[in-house]
Amino acid sequence: MTLVSKLDGLGTGAWIALAVLGFVFWWPAGLAVLAFTLFSGRVGCGHRMARWQDKMDRMCGGGRGPGPWGFGGPPSSGNRAFDEYRSETLRRLEEEQKEFKDFLERLRMAKDKAEFDQFMAERRRTGRASDQPEAPQPQD
């Protein structure tokens, strides 16, 4: 009988105790036990992880590649007219997003320039005398 089957026979508390002892004696061992118990479903979280992984696989198109849609773009809906509309809309939205970011950058630059111009105008108006430090006063 293996250690895993003995601990499974004792229940969830045994796995938790083993993880705590692992952290007490050597933290990498505790971390390994904790990861094993969470992802194997021995403490009740595994079924949620599996459900989450299924959702991710569906969203990624069955693991066709990196990114949200794999190498070939978004998965096909089966309707070519809709797929073309969707790709055109996504392209247009990406273009509008880029234009909006450029607009915000120009707006920030204009605001910074206006603040700087105002600072320089105030500086010129008050004169250069206030820029020079005052001479120390002799003490009596």
C-alpha atoms as a PDB file:
ATOM      1  CA  MET A   1       0.000   0.000   0.000  1.00  0.00           C
ATOM      2  CA  THR A   2       1.489   3.343  -1.039  1.00  0.00           C
ATOM      3  CA  LEU A   3       1.685   6.494   1.074  1.00  0.00           C
ATOM      4  CA  VAL A   4      -0.834   8.242  -1.202  1.00  0.00           C
ATOM      5  CA  SER A   5      -3.446   5.516  -0.768  1.00  0.00           C
ATOM      6  CA  LYS A   6      -2.864   5.453   3.023  1.00  0.00           C
ATOM      7  CA  LEU A   7      -3.379   9.225   3.216  1.00  0.00           C
ATOM      8  CA  ASP A   8      -6.442   8.983   0.967  1.00  0.00           C
ATOM      9  CA  GLY A   9      -7.829   6.390   3.402  1.00  0.00           C
ATOM     10  CA  LEU A  10      -7.321   8.767   6.323  1.00  0.00           C
ATOM     11  CA  GLY A  11      -9.095  11.630   4.566  1.00  0.00           C
ATOM     12  CA  THR A  12      -8.542  15.296   3.827  1.00  0.00           C
ATOM     13  CA  GLY A  13      -7.181  16.065   7.303  1.00  0.00           C
ATOM     14  CA  ALA A  14      -4.192  13.805   6.695  1.00  0.00           C
ATOM     15  CA  TRP A  15      -3.283  15.684   3.520  1.00  0.00           C
ATOM     16  CA  ILE A  16      -3.565  19.017   5.305  1.00  0.00           C
ATOM     17  CA  ALA A  17      -1.423  17.745   8.199  1.00  0.00           C
ATOM     18  CA  LEU A  18       1.204  16.493   5.750  1.00  0.00           C
ATOM     19  CA  ALA A  19       1.285  19.877   4.009  1.00  0.00           C
ATOM     20  CA  VAL A  20       1.651  21.698   7.345  1.00  0.00           C
ATOM     21  CA  LEU A  21       4.452  19.365   8.432  1.00  0.00           C
ATOM     22  CA  GLY A  22       6.123  19.858   5.080  1.00  0.00           C
ATOM     23  CA  PHE A  23       6.076  23.629   5.591  1.00  0.00           C
ATOM     24  CA  VAL A  24       7.404  23.257   9.139  1.00  0.00           C
ATOM     25  CA  PHE A  25      10.375  21.098   8.197  1.00  0.00           C
ATOM     26  CA  TRP A  26      11.225  22.277   4.663  1.00  0.00           C
ATOM     27  CA  TRP A  27       9.021  24.812   2.853  1.00  0.00           C
ATOM     28  CA  PRO A  28       9.539  23.427  -0.708  1.00  0.00           C
ATOM     29  CA  ALA A  29       8.214  20.054   0.449  1.00  0.00           C
ATOM     30  CA  GLY A  30       5.164  21.708   1.983  1.00  0.00           C
ATOM     31  CA  LEU A  31       4.595  23.672  -1.208  1.00  0.00           C
ATOM     32  CA  ALA A  32       4.875  20.498  -3.297  1.00  0.00           C
ATOM     33  CA  VAL A  33       2.370  18.649  -1.095  1.00  0.00           C
ATOM     34  CA  LEU A  34      -0.008  21.595  -1.181  1.00  0.00           C
ATOM     35  CA  ALA A  35       0.169  21.840  -4.975  1.00  0.00           C
ATOM     36  CA  PHE A  36      -0.331  18.093  -5.324  1.00  0.00           C
ATOM     37  CA  THR A  37      -3.372  18.051  -3.062  1.00  0.00           C
ATOM     38  CA  LEU A  38      -4.974  21.061  -4.743  1.00  0.00           C
ATOM     39  CA  PHE A  39      -4.503  19.962  -8.327  1.00  0.00           C
ATOM     40  CA  SER A  40      -5.249  16.272  -7.774  1.00  0.00           C
ATOM     41  CA  GLY A  41      -8.607  17.103  -6.197  1.00  0.00           C
ATOM     42  CA  ARG A  42      -7.817  15.525  -2.846  1.00  0.00           C
ATOM     43  CA  VAL A  43      -9.008  18.544  -0.821  1.00  0.00           C
ATOM     44  CA  GLY A  44     -12.080  19.356  -2.861  1.00  0.00           C
ATOM     45  CA  CYS A  45     -10.694  22.026  -5.187  1.00  0.00           C
ATOM     46  CA  GLY A  46      -9.686  19.785  -8.061  1.00  0.00           C
ATOM     47  CA  HIS A  47     -13.135  19.535  -9.606  1.00  0.00           C
ATOM     48  CA  ARG A  48     -13.232  23.327  -9.849  1.00  0.00           C
ATOM     49  CA  MET A  49      -9.811  23.351 -11.485  1.00  0.00           C
ATOM     50  CA  ALA A  50     -10.902  20.766 -14.027  1.00  0.00           C
ATOM     51  CA  ARG A  51     -14.005  22.769 -14.863  1.00  0.00           C
ATOM     52  CA  TRP A  52     -11.872  25.918 -15.242  1.00  0.00           C
ATOM     53  CA  GLN A  53      -9.414  24.040 -17.479  1.00  0.00           C
ATOM     54  CA  ASP A  54     -12.279  22.823 -19.680  1.00  0.00           C
ATOM     55  CA  LYS A  55     -13.501  26.403 -20.115  1.00  0.00           C
ATOM     56  CA  MET A  56      -9.997  27.568 -21.005  1.00  0.00           C
ATOM     57  CA  ASP A  57      -9.616  24.761 -23.562  1.00  0.00           C
ATOM     58  CA  ARG A  58     -12.921  25.679 -25.194  1.00  0.00           C
ATOM     59  CA  MET A  59     -12.011  29.362 -25.293  1.00  0.00           C
ATOM     60  CA  CYS A  60      -8.576  28.637 -26.759  1.00  0.00           C
ATOM     61  CA  GLY A  61     -10.021  26.409 -29.435  1.00  0.00           C
ATOM     62  CA  GLY A  62      -8.780  23.134 -28.009  1.00  0.00           C
ATOM     63  CA  GLY A  63      -5.192  24.253 -27.493  1.00  0.00           C
ATOM     64  CA  ARG A  64      -4.433  25.093 -31.121  1.00  0.00           C
ATOM     65  CA  GLY A  65      -1.706  27.486 -30.108  1.00  0.00           C
ATOM     66  CA  PRO A  66      -0.758  30.432 -27.949  1.00  0.00           C
ATOM     67  CA  GLY A  67      -3.067  33.350 -27.429  1.00  0.00           C
ATOM     68  CA  PRO A  68      -6.792  33.338 -26.901  1.00  0.00           C
ATOM     69  CA  TRP A  69      -7.591  31.881 -30.331  1.00  0.00           C
ATOM     70  CA  GLY A  70      -4.530  29.888 -31.325  1.00  0.00           C
ATOM     71  CA  PHE A  71      -2.518  30.502 -34.473  1.00  0.00           C
ATOM     72  CA  GLY A  72      -5.363  30.850 -36.949  1.00  0.00           C
ATOM     73  CA  GLY A  73      -7.266  33.705 -35.369  1.00  0.00           C
ATOM     74  CA  PRO A  74     -10.651  33.302 -33.739  1.00  0.00           C
ATOM     75  CA  PRO A  75     -12.336  29.935 -34.123  1.00  0.00           C
ATOM     76  CA  SER A  76     -14.782  29.648 -36.983  1.00  0.00           C
ATOM     77  CA  SER A  77     -18.458  29.906 -36.193  1.00  0.00           C
ATOM     78  CA  GLY A  78     -19.368  27.938 -39.291  1.00  0.00           C
ATOM     79  CA  ASN A  79     -20.891  30.991 -40.968  1.00  0.00           C
ATOM     80  CA  ARG A  80     -18.355  32.660 -43.266  1.00  0.00           C
ATOM     81  CA  ALA A  81     -20.350  35.895 -43.568  1.00  0.00           C
ATOM     82  CA  PHE A  82     -20.400  36.274 -39.792  1.00  0.00           C
ATOM     83  CA  ASP A  83     -16.702  35.366 -39.519  1.00  0.00           C
ATOM     84  CA  GLU A  84     -15.814  38.058 -42.063  1.00  0.00           C
ATOM     85  CA  TYR A  85     -18.007  40.604 -40.254  1.00  0.00           C
ATOM     86  CA  ARG A  86     -16.399  39.700 -36.920  1.00  0.00           C
ATOM     87  CA  SER A  87     -12.841  39.948 -38.245  1.00  0.00           C
ATOM     88  CA  GLU A  88     -13.604  43.293 -39.942  1.00  0.00           C
ATOM     89  CA  THR A  89     -15.205  44.629 -36.753  1.00  0.00           C
ATOM     90  CA  LEU A  90     -12.241  43.496 -34.636  1.00  0.00           C
ATOM     91  CA  ARG A  91      -9.815  45.110 -37.069  1.00  0.00           C
ATOM     92  CA  ARG A  92     -11.806  48.353 -37.002  1.00  0.00           C
ATOM     93  CA  LEU A  93     -11.974  48.343 -33.200  1.00  0.00           C
ATOM     94  CA  GLU A  94      -8.221  47.784 -32.938  1.00  0.00           C
ATOM     95  CA  GLU A  95      -7.657  50.695 -35.327  1.00  0.00           C
ATOM     96  CA  GLU A  96     -10.005  52.947 -33.313  1.00  0.00           C
ATOM     97  CA  GLN A  97      -8.251  51.926 -30.113  1.00  0.00           C
ATOM     98  CA  LYS A  98      -4.881  52.888 -31.594  1.00  0.00           C
ATOM     99  CA  GLU A  99      -6.273  56.239 -32.774  1.00  0.00           C
ATOM    100  CA  PHE A 100      -7.770  56.887 -29.322  1.00  0.00           C
ATOM    101  CA  LYS A 101      -4.449  56.117 -27.615  1.00  0.00           C
ATOM    102  CA  ASP A 102      -2.709  58.520 -29.996  1.00  0.00           C
ATOM    103  CA  PHE A 103      -5.340  61.174 -29.220  1.00  0.00           C
ATOM    104  CA  LEU A 104      -4.834  60.732 -25.481  1.00  0.00           C
ATOM    105  CA  GLU A 105      -1.075  61.044 -25.917  1.00  0.00           C
ATOM    106  CA  ARG A 106      -1.507  64.305 -27.872  1.00  0.00           C
ATOM    107  CA  LEU A 107      -3.935  65.570 -25.226  1.00  0.00           C
ATOM    108  CA  ARG A 108      -1.473  64.824 -22.426  1.00  0.00           C
ATOM    109  CA  MET A 109       1.308  66.529 -24.364  1.00  0.00           C
ATOM    110  CA  ALA A 110      -0.849  69.634 -24.934  1.00  0.00           C
ATOM    111  CA  LYS A 111      -1.766  69.774 -21.244  1.00  0.00           C
ATOM    112  CA  ASP A 112       1.893  69.455 -20.211  1.00  0.00           C
ATOM    113  CA  LYS A 113       2.872  72.170 -22.677  1.00  0.00           C
ATOM    114  CA  ALA A 114       0.141  74.512 -21.401  1.00  0.00           C
ATOM    115  CA  GLU A 115       1.263  73.973 -17.802  1.00  0.00           C
ATOM    116  CA  PHE A 116       4.891  74.607 -18.751  1.00  0.00           C
ATOM    117  CA  ASP A 117       3.992  77.757 -20.713  1.00  0.00           C
ATOM    118  CA  GLN A 118       1.999  79.036 -17.735  1.00  0.00           C
ATOM    119  CA  PHE A 119       4.942  78.365 -15.420  1.00  0.00           C
ATOM    120  CA  MET A 120       7.327  80.211 -17.738  1.00  0.00           C
ATOM    121  CA  ALA A 121       4.918  83.185 -18.044  1.00  0.00           C
ATOM    122  CA  GLU A 122       4.632  83.465 -14.270  1.00  0.00           C
ATOM    123  CA  ARG A 123       8.382  83.230 -13.937  1.00  0.00           C
ATOM    124  CA  ARG A 124       8.918  86.018 -16.476  1.00  0.00           C
ATOM    125  CA  ARG A 125       6.255  88.151 -14.808  1.00  0.00           C
ATOM    126  CA  THR A 126       7.816  87.911 -11.338  1.00  0.00           C
ATOM    127  CA  GLY A 127      11.277  88.652 -12.707  1.00  0.00           C
ATOM    128  CA  ARG A 128      14.618  87.082 -12.129  1.00  0.00           C
ATOM    129  CA  ALA A 129      15.197  88.748  -8.759  1.00  0.00           C
ATOM    130  CA  SER A 130      13.109  86.139  -6.978  1.00  0.00           C
ATOM    131  CA  ASP A 131      15.163  83.326  -8.556  1.00  0.00           C
ATOM    132  CA  GLN A 132      18.381  84.448  -6.854  1.00  0.00           C
ATOM    133  CA  PRO A 133      18.900  83.361  -3.276  1.00  0.00           C
ATOM    134  CA  GLU A 134      18.918  86.100  -0.706  1.00  0.00           C
ATOM    135  CA  ALA A 135      22.233  87.062   0.896  1.00  0.00           C
ATOM    136  CA  PRO A 136      22.587  85.832   4.440  1.00  0.00           C
ATOM    137  CA  GLN A 137      21.847  88.474   7.070  1.00  0.00           C
ATOM    138  CA  PRO A 138      24.727  89.247   9.456  1.00  0.00           C
ATOM    139  CA  GLN A 139      24.013  88.337  13.027  1.00  0.00           C
ATOM    140  CA  ASP A 140      24.625  90.912  15.779  1.00  0.00           C
END
